[in-house]
Amino acid sequence: MLALEKVAPNGLLFTFSCSQVVDRQLFEDTVTAAALEVGRKIRVMHYLSQPPDHPINLFHPESAYLKGLVIHVA
């Protein structure tokens, strides 16, 4: 919420999570809830993920723990 309040209008916010407990949907929902709380309109410009040296094992979904969003803040 603090970051969203400080971004200038039409600015970009880069936000990341490296928690295996927070999946991509929960991460996006949390950022959306923060934007609603502070009254800012946001758009996801890019979804970011972990690099090839951190492969995701399909049988171990917790291995997809690095995630990020590039957000346009109106």
PDB file of N, CA and C in Angstrom:
ATOM      1  N   MET A   1       0.828  -1.182   0.000  1.00  0.00           N
ATOM      2  CA  MET A   1       0.000   0.000   0.000  1.00  0.00           C
ATOM      3  C   MET A   1       0.875   1.249   0.000  1.00  0.00           C
ATOM      4  N   LEU A   2       1.937   1.228   0.773  1.00  0.00           N
ATOM      5  CA  LEU A   2       2.807   2.402   0.841  1.00  0.00           C
ATOM      6  C   LEU A   2       3.450   2.700  -0.508  1.00  0.00           C
ATOM      7  N   ALA A   3       3.885   1.648  -1.193  1.00  0.00           N
ATOM      8  CA  ALA A   3       4.509   1.851  -2.509  1.00  0.00           C
ATOM      9  C   ALA A   3       3.494   2.419  -3.495  1.00  0.00           C
ATOM     10  N   LEU A   4       2.274   1.897  -3.476  1.00  0.00           N
ATOM     11  CA  LEU A   4       1.240   2.392  -4.390  1.00  0.00           C
ATOM     12  C   LEU A   4       0.900   3.848  -4.102  1.00  0.00           C
ATOM     13  N   GLU A   5       0.959   4.251  -2.855  1.00  0.00           N
ATOM     14  CA  GLU A   5       0.684   5.645  -2.505  1.00  0.00           C
ATOM     15  C   GLU A   5       1.785   6.581  -2.997  1.00  0.00           C
ATOM     16  N   LYS A   6       3.007   6.076  -3.068  1.00  0.00           N
ATOM     17  CA  LYS A   6       4.149   6.930  -3.415  1.00  0.00           C
ATOM     18  C   LYS A   6       4.448   7.008  -4.907  1.00  0.00           C
ATOM     19  N   VAL A   7       3.941   6.077  -5.697  1.00  0.00           N
ATOM     20  CA  VAL A   7       4.199   6.094  -7.133  1.00  0.00           C
ATOM     21  C   VAL A   7       3.471   7.283  -7.760  1.00  0.00           C
ATOM     22  N   ALA A   8       4.203   8.033  -8.578  1.00  0.00           N
ATOM     23  CA  ALA A   8       3.598   9.175  -9.273  1.00  0.00           C
ATOM     24  C   ALA A   8       2.536   8.676 -10.254  1.00  0.00           C
ATOM     25  N   PRO A   9       1.532   9.505 -10.533  1.00  0.00           N
ATOM     26  CA  PRO A   9       0.534   9.114 -11.534  1.00  0.00           C
ATOM     27  C   PRO A   9       1.209   8.713 -12.850  1.00  0.00           C
ATOM     28  N   ASN A  10       0.716   7.645 -13.441  1.00  0.00           N
ATOM     29  CA  ASN A  10       1.261   7.054 -14.662  1.00  0.00           C
ATOM     30  C   ASN A  10       2.663   6.493 -14.470  1.00  0.00           C
ATOM     31  N   GLY A  11       2.999   6.176 -13.224  1.00  0.00           N
ATOM     32  CA  GLY A  11       4.290   5.569 -12.929  1.00  0.00           C
ATOM     33  C   GLY A  11       4.221   4.051 -12.962  1.00  0.00           C
ATOM     34  N   LEU A  12       5.380   3.431 -12.819  1.00  0.00           N
ATOM     35  CA  LEU A  12       5.471   1.975 -12.801  1.00  0.00           C
ATOM     36  C   LEU A  12       5.914   1.509 -11.426  1.00  0.00           C
ATOM     37  N   LEU A  13       5.340   0.396 -11.004  1.00  0.00           N
ATOM     38  CA  LEU A  13       5.737  -0.248  -9.762  1.00  0.00           C
ATOM     39  C   LEU A  13       6.201  -1.656 -10.108  1.00  0.00           C
ATOM     40  N   PHE A  14       7.398  -1.993  -9.676  1.00  0.00           N
ATOM     41  CA  PHE A  14       7.922  -3.350  -9.806  1.00  0.00           C
ATOM     42  C   PHE A  14       7.811  -3.981  -8.427  1.00  0.00           C
ATOM     43  N   THR A  15       7.053  -5.051  -8.306  1.00  0.00           N
ATOM     44  CA  THR A  15       6.867  -5.695  -7.013  1.00  0.00           C
ATOM     45  C   THR A  15       7.092  -7.194  -7.153  1.00  0.00           C
ATOM     46  N   PHE A  16       7.669  -7.794  -6.105  1.00  0.00           N
ATOM     47  CA  PHE A  16       8.104  -9.182  -6.183  1.00  0.00           C
ATOM     48  C   PHE A  16       7.759  -9.951  -4.921  1.00  0.00           C
ATOM     49  N   SER A  17       7.651 -11.265  -5.066  1.00  0.00           N
ATOM     50  CA  SER A  17       7.495 -12.167  -3.941  1.00  0.00           C
ATOM     51  C   SER A  17       8.411 -13.360  -4.165  1.00  0.00           C
ATOM     52  N   CYS A  18       9.060 -13.786  -3.097  1.00  0.00           N
ATOM     53  CA  CYS A  18       9.901 -14.991  -3.191  1.00  0.00           C
ATOM     54  C   CYS A  18       9.458 -16.022  -2.162  1.00  0.00           C
ATOM     55  N   SER A  19       8.168 -16.071  -1.913  1.00  0.00           N
ATOM     56  CA  SER A  19       7.614 -17.003  -0.927  1.00  0.00           C
ATOM     57  C   SER A  19       6.890 -18.143  -1.629  1.00  0.00           C
ATOM     58  N   GLN A  20       7.211 -19.360  -1.238  1.00  0.00           N
ATOM     59  CA  GLN A  20       6.498 -20.510  -1.801  1.00  0.00           C
ATOM     60  C   GLN A  20       5.081 -20.605  -1.254  1.00  0.00           C
ATOM     61  N   VAL A  21       4.811 -19.930  -0.139  1.00  0.00           N
ATOM     62  CA  VAL A  21       3.480 -19.956   0.463  1.00  0.00           C
ATOM     63  C   VAL A  21       2.500 -19.089  -0.323  1.00  0.00           C
ATOM     64  N   VAL A  22       3.019 -18.062  -1.001  1.00  0.00           N
ATOM     65  CA  VAL A  22       2.193 -17.133  -1.774  1.00  0.00           C
ATOM     66  C   VAL A  22       2.261 -17.539  -3.245  1.00  0.00           C
ATOM     67  N   ASP A  23       1.151 -18.077  -3.773  1.00  0.00           N
ATOM     68  CA  ASP A  23       1.156 -18.426  -5.195  1.00  0.00           C
ATOM     69  C   ASP A  23       0.855 -17.175  -6.024  1.00  0.00           C
ATOM     70  N   ARG A  24       0.958 -17.326  -7.331  1.00  0.00           N
ATOM     71  CA  ARG A  24       0.800 -16.181  -8.234  1.00  0.00           C
ATOM     72  C   ARG A  24      -0.562 -15.497  -8.057  1.00  0.00           C
ATOM     73  N   GLN A  25      -1.622 -16.275  -7.908  1.00  0.00           N
ATOM     74  CA  GLN A  25      -2.955 -15.691  -7.772  1.00  0.00           C
ATOM     75  C   GLN A  25      -3.087 -14.907  -6.466  1.00  0.00           C
ATOM     76  N   LEU A  26      -2.597 -15.466  -5.376  1.00  0.00           N
ATOM     77  CA  LEU A  26      -2.659 -14.763  -4.096  1.00  0.00           C
ATOM     78  C   LEU A  26      -1.831 -13.481  -4.138  1.00  0.00           C
ATOM     79  N   PHE A  27      -0.680 -13.534  -4.787  1.00  0.00           N
ATOM     80  CA  PHE A  27       0.176 -12.355  -4.925  1.00  0.00           C
ATOM     81  C   PHE A  27      -0.565 -11.254  -5.691  1.00  0.00           C
ATOM     82  N   GLU A  28      -1.156 -11.611  -6.830  1.00  0.00           N
ATOM     83  CA  GLU A  28      -1.890 -10.632  -7.626  1.00  0.00           C
ATOM     84  C   GLU A  28      -3.112 -10.101  -6.866  1.00  0.00           C
ATOM     85  N   ASP A  29      -3.817 -10.973  -6.168  1.00  0.00           N
ATOM     86  CA  ASP A  29      -4.979 -10.547  -5.388  1.00  0.00           C
ATOM     87  C   ASP A  29      -4.578  -9.585  -4.267  1.00  0.00           C
ATOM     88  N   THR A  30      -3.438  -9.823  -3.651  1.00  0.00           N
ATOM     89  CA  THR A  30      -2.957  -8.958  -2.573  1.00  0.00           C
ATOM     90  C   THR A  30      -2.615  -7.573  -3.095  1.00  0.00           C
ATOM     91  N   VAL A  31      -1.959  -7.513  -4.242  1.00  0.00           N
ATOM     92  CA  VAL A  31      -1.622  -6.217  -4.847  1.00  0.00           C
ATOM     93  C   VAL A  31      -2.900  -5.490  -5.263  1.00  0.00           C
ATOM     94  N   THR A  32      -3.854  -6.224  -5.808  1.00  0.00           N
ATOM     95  CA  THR A  32      -5.132  -5.625  -6.204  1.00  0.00           C
ATOM     96  C   THR A  32      -5.863  -5.061  -4.989  1.00  0.00           C
ATOM     97  N   ALA A  33      -5.891  -5.815  -3.906  1.00  0.00           N
ATOM     98  CA  ALA A  33      -6.552  -5.344  -2.679  1.00  0.00           C
ATOM     99  C   ALA A  33      -5.879  -4.089  -2.144  1.00  0.00           C
ATOM    100  N   ALA A  34      -4.555  -4.034  -2.212  1.00  0.00           N
ATOM    101  CA  ALA A  34      -3.826  -2.843  -1.757  1.00  0.00           C
ATOM    102  C   ALA A  34      -4.186  -1.636  -2.618  1.00  0.00           C
ATOM    103  N   ALA A  35      -4.296  -1.827  -3.922  1.00  0.00           N
ATOM    104  CA  ALA A  35      -4.657  -0.727  -4.822  1.00  0.00           C
ATOM    105  C   ALA A  35      -6.068  -0.226  -4.521  1.00  0.00           C
ATOM    106  N   LEU A  36      -6.980  -1.131  -4.275  1.00  0.00           N
ATOM    107  CA  LEU A  36      -8.347  -0.731  -3.918  1.00  0.00           C
ATOM    108  C   LEU A  36      -8.354   0.044  -2.606  1.00  0.00           C
ATOM    109  N   GLU A  37      -7.555  -0.415  -1.656  1.00  0.00           N
ATOM    110  CA  GLU A  37      -7.501   0.227  -0.334  1.00  0.00           C
ATOM    111  C   GLU A  37      -7.016   1.675  -0.414  1.00  0.00           C
ATOM    112  N   VAL A  38      -6.048   1.940  -1.294  1.00  0.00           N
ATOM    113  CA  VAL A  38      -5.507   3.302  -1.398  1.00  0.00           C
ATOM    114  C   VAL A  38      -6.144   4.103  -2.531  1.00  0.00           C
ATOM    115  N   GLY A  39      -7.092   3.492  -3.253  1.00  0.00           N
ATOM    116  CA  GLY A  39      -7.815   4.213  -4.293  1.00  0.00           C
ATOM    117  C   GLY A  39      -7.019   4.483  -5.557  1.00  0.00           C
ATOM    118  N   ARG A  40      -6.114   3.565  -5.917  1.00  0.00           N
ATOM    119  CA  ARG A  40      -5.325   3.726  -7.142  1.00  0.00           C
ATOM    120  C   ARG A  40      -5.765   2.688  -8.164  1.00  0.00           C
ATOM    121  N   LYS A  41      -5.845   3.088  -9.419  1.00  0.00           N
ATOM    122  CA  LYS A  41      -6.135   2.161 -10.507  1.00  0.00           C
ATOM    123  C   LYS A  41      -4.814   1.599 -11.004  1.00  0.00           C
ATOM    124  N   ILE A  42      -4.786   0.283 -11.201  1.00  0.00           N
ATOM    125  CA  ILE A  42      -3.561  -0.372 -11.651  1.00  0.00           C
ATOM    126  C   ILE A  42      -3.849  -1.282 -12.837  1.00  0.00           C
ATOM    127  N   ARG A  43      -2.795  -1.517 -13.626  1.00  0.00           N
ATOM    128  CA  ARG A  43      -2.842  -2.479 -14.734  1.00  0.00           C
ATOM    129  C   ARG A  43      -1.550  -3.270 -14.709  1.00  0.00           C
ATOM    130  N   VAL A  44      -1.656  -4.568 -14.863  1.00  0.00           N
ATOM    131  CA  VAL A  44      -0.452  -5.400 -14.941  1.00  0.00           C
ATOM    132  C   VAL A  44       0.110  -5.282 -16.345  1.00  0.00           C
ATOM    133  N   MET A  45       1.333  -4.803 -16.432  1.00  0.00           N
ATOM    134  CA  MET A  45       2.000  -4.650 -17.728  1.00  0.00           C
ATOM    135  C   MET A  45       2.798  -5.913 -18.094  1.00  0.00           C
ATOM    136  N   HIS A  46       3.420  -6.543 -17.079  1.00  0.00           N
ATOM    137  CA  HIS A  46       4.229  -7.749 -17.310  1.00  0.00           C
ATOM    138  C   HIS A  46       4.170  -8.652 -16.087  1.00  0.00           C
ATOM    139  N   TYR A  47       4.150  -9.945 -16.349  1.00  0.00           N
ATOM    140  CA  TYR A  47       4.315 -10.949 -15.304  1.00  0.00           C
ATOM    141  C   TYR A  47       5.758 -11.415 -15.364  1.00  0.00           C
ATOM    142  N   LEU A  48       6.410 -11.447 -14.236  1.00  0.00           N
ATOM    143  CA  LEU A  48       7.795 -11.879 -14.175  1.00  0.00           C
ATOM    144  C   LEU A  48       7.876 -13.197 -13.420  1.00  0.00           C
ATOM    145  N   SER A  49       8.853 -14.011 -13.780  1.00  0.00           N
ATOM    146  CA  SER A  49       9.012 -15.314 -13.159  1.00  0.00           C
ATOM    147  C   SER A  49      10.486 -15.583 -12.934  1.00  0.00           C
ATOM    148  N   GLN A  50      10.755 -16.727 -12.366  1.00  0.00           N
ATOM    149  CA  GLN A  50      12.141 -17.050 -12.073  1.00  0.00           C
ATOM    150  C   GLN A  50      12.905 -17.420 -13.341  1.00  0.00           C
ATOM    151  N   PRO A  51      14.203 -17.202 -13.316  1.00  0.00           N
ATOM    152  CA  PRO A  51      15.043 -17.468 -14.497  1.00  0.00           C
ATOM    153  C   PRO A  51      15.295 -18.966 -14.683  1.00  0.00           C
ATOM    154  N   PRO A  52      15.874 -19.332 -15.817  1.00  0.00           N
ATOM    155  CA  PRO A  52      16.107 -20.753 -16.126  1.00  0.00           C
ATOM    156  C   PRO A  52      16.967 -21.487 -15.093  1.00  0.00           C
ATOM    157  N   ASP A  53      17.802 -20.760 -14.338  1.00  0.00           N
ATOM    158  CA  ASP A  53      18.623 -21.455 -13.349  1.00  0.00           C
ATOM    159  C   ASP A  53      17.840 -21.797 -12.069  1.00  0.00           C
ATOM    160  N   HIS A  54      16.539 -21.484 -12.053  1.00  0.00           N
ATOM    161  CA  HIS A  54      15.629 -21.881 -10.979  1.00  0.00           C
ATOM    162  C   HIS A  54      14.437 -22.614 -11.615  1.00  0.00           C
ATOM    163  N   PRO A  55      14.670 -23.812 -12.169  1.00  0.00           N
ATOM    164  CA  PRO A  55      13.594 -24.518 -12.880  1.00  0.00           C
ATOM    165  C   PRO A  55      12.427 -24.863 -11.961  1.00  0.00           C
ATOM    166  N   ILE A  56      11.263 -24.939 -12.556  1.00  0.00           N
ATOM    167  CA  ILE A  56      10.046 -25.286 -11.828  1.00  0.00           C
ATOM    168  C   ILE A  56       9.749 -26.761 -12.066  1.00  0.00           C
ATOM    169  N   ASN A  57       9.654 -27.509 -10.981  1.00  0.00           N
ATOM    170  CA  ASN A  57       9.329 -28.925 -11.052  1.00  0.00           C
ATOM    171  C   ASN A  57       7.809 -29.056 -11.008  1.00  0.00           C
ATOM    172  N   LEU A  58       7.205 -29.596 -12.046  1.00  0.00           N
ATOM    173  CA  LEU A  58       5.755 -29.716 -12.117  1.00  0.00           C
ATOM    174  C   LEU A  58       5.181 -30.622 -11.028  1.00  0.00           C
ATOM    175  N   PHE A  59       6.007 -31.500 -10.466  1.00  0.00           N
ATOM    176  CA  PHE A  59       5.561 -32.369  -9.380  1.00  0.00           C
ATOM    177  C   PHE A  59       5.799 -31.743  -8.009  1.00  0.00           C
ATOM    178  N   HIS A  60       6.378 -30.556  -8.014  1.00  0.00           N
ATOM    179  CA  HIS A  60       6.659 -29.823  -6.771  1.00  0.00           C
ATOM    180  C   HIS A  60       6.296 -28.355  -7.007  1.00  0.00           C
ATOM    181  N   PRO A  61       4.990 -28.012  -6.955  1.00  0.00           N
ATOM    182  CA  PRO A  61       4.550 -26.663  -7.300  1.00  0.00           C
ATOM    183  C   PRO A  61       5.185 -25.562  -6.452  1.00  0.00           C
ATOM    184  N   GLU A  62       5.658 -25.926  -5.252  1.00  0.00           N
ATOM    185  CA  GLU A  62       6.308 -24.933  -4.405  1.00  0.00           C
ATOM    186  C   GLU A  62       7.618 -24.418  -5.000  1.00  0.00           C
ATOM    187  N   SER A  63       8.131 -25.117  -6.016  1.00  0.00           N
ATOM    188  CA  SER A  63       9.370 -24.660  -6.646  1.00  0.00           C
ATOM    189  C   SER A  63       9.147 -23.420  -7.508  1.00  0.00           C
ATOM    190  N   ALA A  64       7.884 -23.047  -7.740  1.00  0.00           N
ATOM    191  CA  ALA A  64       7.556 -21.814  -8.481  1.00  0.00           C
ATOM    192  C   ALA A  64       7.353 -20.689  -7.474  1.00  0.00           C
ATOM    193  N   TYR A  65       8.423 -20.342  -6.762  1.00  0.00           N
ATOM    194  CA  TYR A  65       8.293 -19.388  -5.667  1.00  0.00           C
ATOM    195  C   TYR A  65       8.689 -17.965  -6.030  1.00  0.00           C
ATOM    196  N   LEU A  66       9.425 -17.755  -7.098  1.00  0.00           N
ATOM    197  CA  LEU A  66       9.831 -16.406  -7.490  1.00  0.00           C
ATOM    198  C   LEU A  66       8.825 -15.847  -8.483  1.00  0.00           C
ATOM    199  N   LYS A  67       8.256 -14.694  -8.154  1.00  0.00           N
ATOM    200  CA  LYS A  67       7.260 -14.088  -9.046  1.00  0.00           C
ATOM    201  C   LYS A  67       7.312 -12.589  -8.886  1.00  0.00           C
ATOM    202  N   GLY A  68       6.914 -11.900  -9.957  1.00  0.00           N
ATOM    203  CA  GLY A  68       6.906 -10.447  -9.903  1.00  0.00           C
ATOM    204  C   GLY A  68       5.880  -9.866 -10.856  1.00  0.00           C
ATOM    205  N   LEU A  69       5.557  -8.617 -10.600  1.00  0.00           N
ATOM    206  CA  LEU A  69       4.611  -7.889 -11.440  1.00  0.00           C
ATOM    207  C   LEU A  69       5.199  -6.519 -11.772  1.00  0.00           C
ATOM    208  N   VAL A  70       5.019  -6.102 -13.015  1.00  0.00           N
ATOM    209  CA  VAL A  70       5.292  -4.725 -13.401  1.00  0.00           C
ATOM    210  C   VAL A  70       3.922  -4.091 -13.569  1.00  0.00           C
ATOM    211  N   ILE A  71       3.637  -3.087 -12.746  1.00  0.00           N
ATOM    212  CA  ILE A  71       2.306  -2.519 -12.678  1.00  0.00           C
ATOM    213  C   ILE A  71       2.317  -1.049 -13.064  1.00  0.00           C
ATOM    214  N   HIS A  72       1.394  -0.679 -13.948  1.00  0.00           N
ATOM    215  CA  HIS A  72       1.163   0.731 -14.265  1.00  0.00           C
ATOM    216  C   HIS A  72       0.181   1.257 -13.233  1.00  0.00           C
ATOM    217  N   VAL A  73       0.551   2.357 -12.581  1.00  0.00           N
ATOM    218  CA  VAL A  73      -0.285   2.953 -11.542  1.00  0.00           C
ATOM    219  C   VAL A  73      -0.832   4.273 -12.059  1.00  0.00           C
ATOM    220  N   ALA A  74      -2.154   4.346 -12.218  1.00  0.00           N
ATOM    221  CA  ALA A  74      -2.783   5.565 -12.734  1.00  0.00           C
ATOM    222  C   ALA A  74      -2.872   6.628 -11.654  1.00  0.00           C
TER     223      ALA A  74
END
